[in-house]
Structure formats: C-alpha cells, structure tokens
Amino acid sequence: MIRKYILPLLWVCLFISIDVTAQQKTAPDMHFKDTEEAAVSNKDIPKGKALMLLYFRSDCDHCEHTAQQLKTTARQYPATIWMVSAEPIPTLRTFEDMMGLYDIGNLRVMQDHTQSMHRWFEFTKLPFIVLYDKNGIQKAVFDELPTAATVKKMLAVR
C-alpha cells in the first residue's frame, strides 16, 4: 500500500524542486539620481541592452581602481554601466570628474538616495557588481570588475 504512494510523491517532490531552482532573479525596481540630480529608473536602460550595476564608495581604493579601469574599457562592454553610491551628489560629481567618467556614453554615475541597494543585495565587499541581461534577468555577481570578454560570453554577445 505504501509503495502505491511513494512513486507519485517522489515525482511531485522532483517537480517542486525543479520549479524552485528554475526561478530567476530579476532586476529590482530601481530609482536613482544622476550627478545632475535627474531621476533615473529601469525605464532609462536602453531597450535591448544589458545592465552592469556597480555599487561603490568614492573613498574605496578598490572602487577607485575599478573606475580607472572603466575609464579606458567601459566602451568595450556590451552593457549599460551604472556606478551607484549612497554618497552625496557633490561627492559623486567630484569622483566622476577626478576619474574622468563624465563623457563615457554607456556609463553613468548615480546616487542611491533611498539606499535601496543595501536592501536588495547582501554585499560585504566593494565594489559590488551585478550583471543583468537585456531582459532584466540576473546573470552574475562579481566582487571585481569582469573583463569585457567575460561579460560578452555571459550575455552570448559577439
């Protein structure tokens, strides 16, 4: 009698576990301000583009090094890059100017004025980098800047 119920129960457990693992993390509902204090949200991600979201602090040596790398490599990434910090906008403007990031077409420095990233993500190291594909599905999390080739491979872009 017990055998009659075990096989169906195992099948149900298998399908439940597959369904749970198949769930994908999507990009949160983001609301930031750029260094000109303009509101920026998910709708400002160019249609059909991936997003590399990078949380940083201007007084972090690793973050400064990452910004220096992005100054020369950002254009090679097949993604929009948002560098986000909870610091005051004047501090972010100074950082953007010092690092020479203001004229890179696919990169924006922004303020997380609601400090939402701390609620969305459990990060302990900076910079914290998360990559979303063009559909807003999380592809990877990094604790250092991935190469443009790595990002291209993850997004299956040539």
Protein backbone atom coordinates (compact mmCIF):
# COMPACT_ATOMS: atom_id res chain seq x y z
CA MET A 1 0.00 0.00 0.00
CA ILE A 2 2.80 2.42 0.85
CA ARG A 3 4.57 1.69 -2.46
CA LYS A 4 1.47 2.91 -4.26
CA TYR A 5 2.01 6.42 -2.87
CA ILE A 6 5.82 6.64 -2.80
CA LEU A 7 6.42 6.90 -6.56
CA PRO A 8 3.84 9.67 -7.14
CA LEU A 9 5.17 11.50 -4.07
CA LEU A 10 8.74 11.33 -5.42
CA TRP A 11 7.60 12.75 -8.77
CA VAL A 12 5.83 15.65 -7.03
CA CYS A 13 8.96 16.40 -4.98
CA LEU A 14 11.11 16.32 -8.10
CA PHE A 15 8.89 18.80 -9.95
CA ILE A 16 8.66 21.12 -6.95
CA SER A 17 12.45 21.23 -6.61
CA ILE A 18 12.88 21.87 -10.35
CA ASP A 19 10.36 24.72 -10.23
CA VAL A 20 12.07 26.39 -7.26
CA THR A 21 15.53 26.20 -8.83
CA ALA A 22 14.22 27.47 -12.15
CA GLN A 23 13.17 30.79 -10.62
CA GLN A 24 15.42 33.59 -11.80
CA LYS A 25 16.30 36.82 -10.06
CA THR A 26 15.10 39.86 -11.94
CA ALA A 27 16.31 43.42 -11.68
CA PRO A 28 14.66 45.33 -8.83
CA ASP A 29 12.59 48.46 -9.40
CA MET A 30 15.46 50.97 -9.36
CA HIS A 31 15.18 54.69 -8.66
CA PHE A 32 18.40 56.69 -8.54
CA LYS A 33 19.56 60.25 -9.26
CA ASP A 34 22.37 61.03 -11.67
CA THR A 35 25.03 63.62 -10.86
CA GLU A 36 22.83 66.31 -12.43
CA GLU A 37 20.09 65.23 -9.95
CA ALA A 38 17.84 63.87 -12.72
CA ALA A 39 15.71 60.86 -11.77
CA VAL A 40 16.84 57.57 -13.32
CA SER A 41 14.94 54.27 -13.24
CA ASN A 42 14.71 50.93 -15.04
CA LYS A 43 12.94 52.60 -17.95
CA ASP A 44 16.18 54.52 -18.63
CA ILE A 45 18.07 51.35 -19.50
CA PRO A 46 18.28 51.43 -23.31
CA LYS A 47 15.90 48.89 -24.82
CA GLY A 48 17.64 45.64 -25.68
CA LYS A 49 20.73 46.44 -23.55
CA ALA A 50 22.15 44.58 -20.59
CA LEU A 51 22.91 46.41 -17.34
CA MET A 52 26.03 46.16 -15.23
CA LEU A 53 25.17 47.68 -11.86
CA LEU A 54 28.22 48.59 -9.77
CA TYR A 55 27.91 49.77 -6.16
CA PHE A 56 30.90 51.75 -4.92
CA ARG A 57 32.20 54.36 -2.49
CA SER A 58 34.48 57.17 -3.56
CA ASP A 59 36.86 56.54 -0.65
CA CYS A 60 37.33 52.85 -1.51
CA ASP A 61 40.71 52.06 -3.11
CA HIS A 62 39.34 49.04 -4.99
CA CYS A 63 36.43 51.14 -6.27
CA GLU A 64 38.82 53.85 -7.44
CA HIS A 65 40.90 51.23 -9.26
CA THR A 66 37.73 49.85 -10.90
CA ALA A 67 36.74 53.35 -12.02
CA GLN A 68 40.20 53.85 -13.54
CA GLN A 69 39.81 50.56 -15.43
CA LEU A 70 36.35 51.58 -16.66
CA LYS A 71 37.68 54.91 -17.91
CA THR A 72 39.55 53.03 -20.61
CA THR A 73 37.41 49.89 -21.05
CA ALA A 74 33.74 50.87 -20.49
CA ARG A 75 33.05 51.34 -24.20
CA GLN A 76 34.04 47.71 -24.84
CA TYR A 77 31.26 46.33 -22.60
CA PRO A 78 28.03 45.21 -24.27
CA ALA A 79 26.06 46.73 -21.40
CA THR A 80 24.93 49.97 -19.89
CA ILE A 81 27.04 50.59 -16.77
CA TRP A 82 25.55 52.30 -13.74
CA MET A 83 28.00 53.16 -10.97
CA VAL A 84 25.87 53.75 -7.89
CA SER A 85 26.69 55.07 -4.43
CA ALA A 86 24.69 56.41 -1.47
CA GLU A 87 27.13 59.30 -1.07
CA PRO A 88 26.01 62.93 -1.56
CA ILE A 89 25.78 64.13 -5.16
CA PRO A 90 28.58 66.73 -4.78
CA THR A 91 30.90 63.89 -3.68
CA LEU A 92 29.82 61.82 -6.66
CA ARG A 93 30.39 64.73 -9.06
CA THR A 94 33.91 65.16 -7.70
CA PHE A 95 34.58 61.43 -8.09
CA GLU A 96 33.16 61.43 -11.63
CA ASP A 97 35.38 64.40 -12.58
CA MET A 98 38.51 63.03 -10.89
CA MET A 99 38.12 59.66 -12.62
CA GLY A 100 37.19 61.19 -15.99
CA LEU A 101 33.92 59.26 -16.22
CA TYR A 102 31.61 62.09 -17.34
CA ASP A 103 31.97 61.62 -21.11
CA ILE A 104 31.64 57.83 -21.44
CA GLY A 105 28.44 57.09 -23.37
CA ASN A 106 27.45 53.81 -21.73
CA LEU A 107 28.45 54.75 -18.16
CA ARG A 108 26.60 56.88 -15.61
CA VAL A 109 27.47 57.72 -12.02
CA MET A 110 24.40 57.84 -9.78
CA GLN A 111 23.21 58.34 -6.24
CA ASP A 112 21.21 55.68 -4.44
CA HIS A 113 19.33 58.34 -2.47
CA THR A 114 16.98 55.75 -0.92
CA GLN A 115 19.84 53.34 -0.09
CA SER A 116 17.88 50.59 -1.79
CA MET A 117 20.88 48.55 -2.91
CA HIS A 118 21.59 47.67 0.72
CA ARG A 119 18.09 46.18 0.96
CA TRP A 120 18.21 44.37 -2.40
CA PHE A 121 21.62 42.78 -2.10
CA GLU A 122 23.68 41.20 0.65
CA PHE A 123 27.11 42.53 -0.21
CA THR A 124 30.04 42.81 2.14
CA LYS A 125 32.80 43.89 -0.27
CA LEU A 126 33.17 46.85 -2.57
CA PRO A 127 32.89 47.25 -5.39
CA PHE A 128 29.80 45.08 -5.70
CA ILE A 129 28.87 44.32 -9.30
CA VAL A 130 25.76 42.59 -10.63
CA LEU A 131 25.09 41.85 -14.29
CA TYR A 132 21.58 41.71 -15.80
CA ASP A 133 20.82 40.62 -19.33
CA LYS A 134 18.66 42.62 -21.76
CA ASN A 135 15.54 41.05 -20.21
CA GLY A 136 16.46 42.13 -16.68
CA ILE A 137 17.47 38.62 -15.57
CA GLN A 138 20.44 38.45 -13.20
CA LYS A 139 23.33 36.64 -14.89
CA ALA A 140 26.15 37.00 -12.35
CA VAL A 141 27.51 38.79 -9.30
CA PHE A 142 31.16 39.90 -9.13
CA ASP A 143 33.41 41.33 -6.43
CA GLU A 144 35.80 42.73 -9.01
CA LEU A 145 35.37 44.12 -12.50
CA PRO A 146 34.92 41.30 -15.02
CA THR A 147 36.58 41.68 -18.39
CA ALA A 148 34.51 42.82 -21.36
CA ALA A 149 35.15 39.38 -22.91
CA THR A 150 33.70 37.65 -19.84
CA VAL A 151 30.60 39.84 -19.95
CA LYS A 152 30.19 39.23 -23.68
CA LYS A 153 30.44 35.49 -23.12
CA MET A 154 27.88 35.57 -20.28
CA LEU A 155 25.48 37.57 -22.41
CA ALA A 156 26.24 35.49 -25.52
CA VAL A 157 27.24 38.63 -27.44
CA ARG A 158 29.85 38.60 -30.17
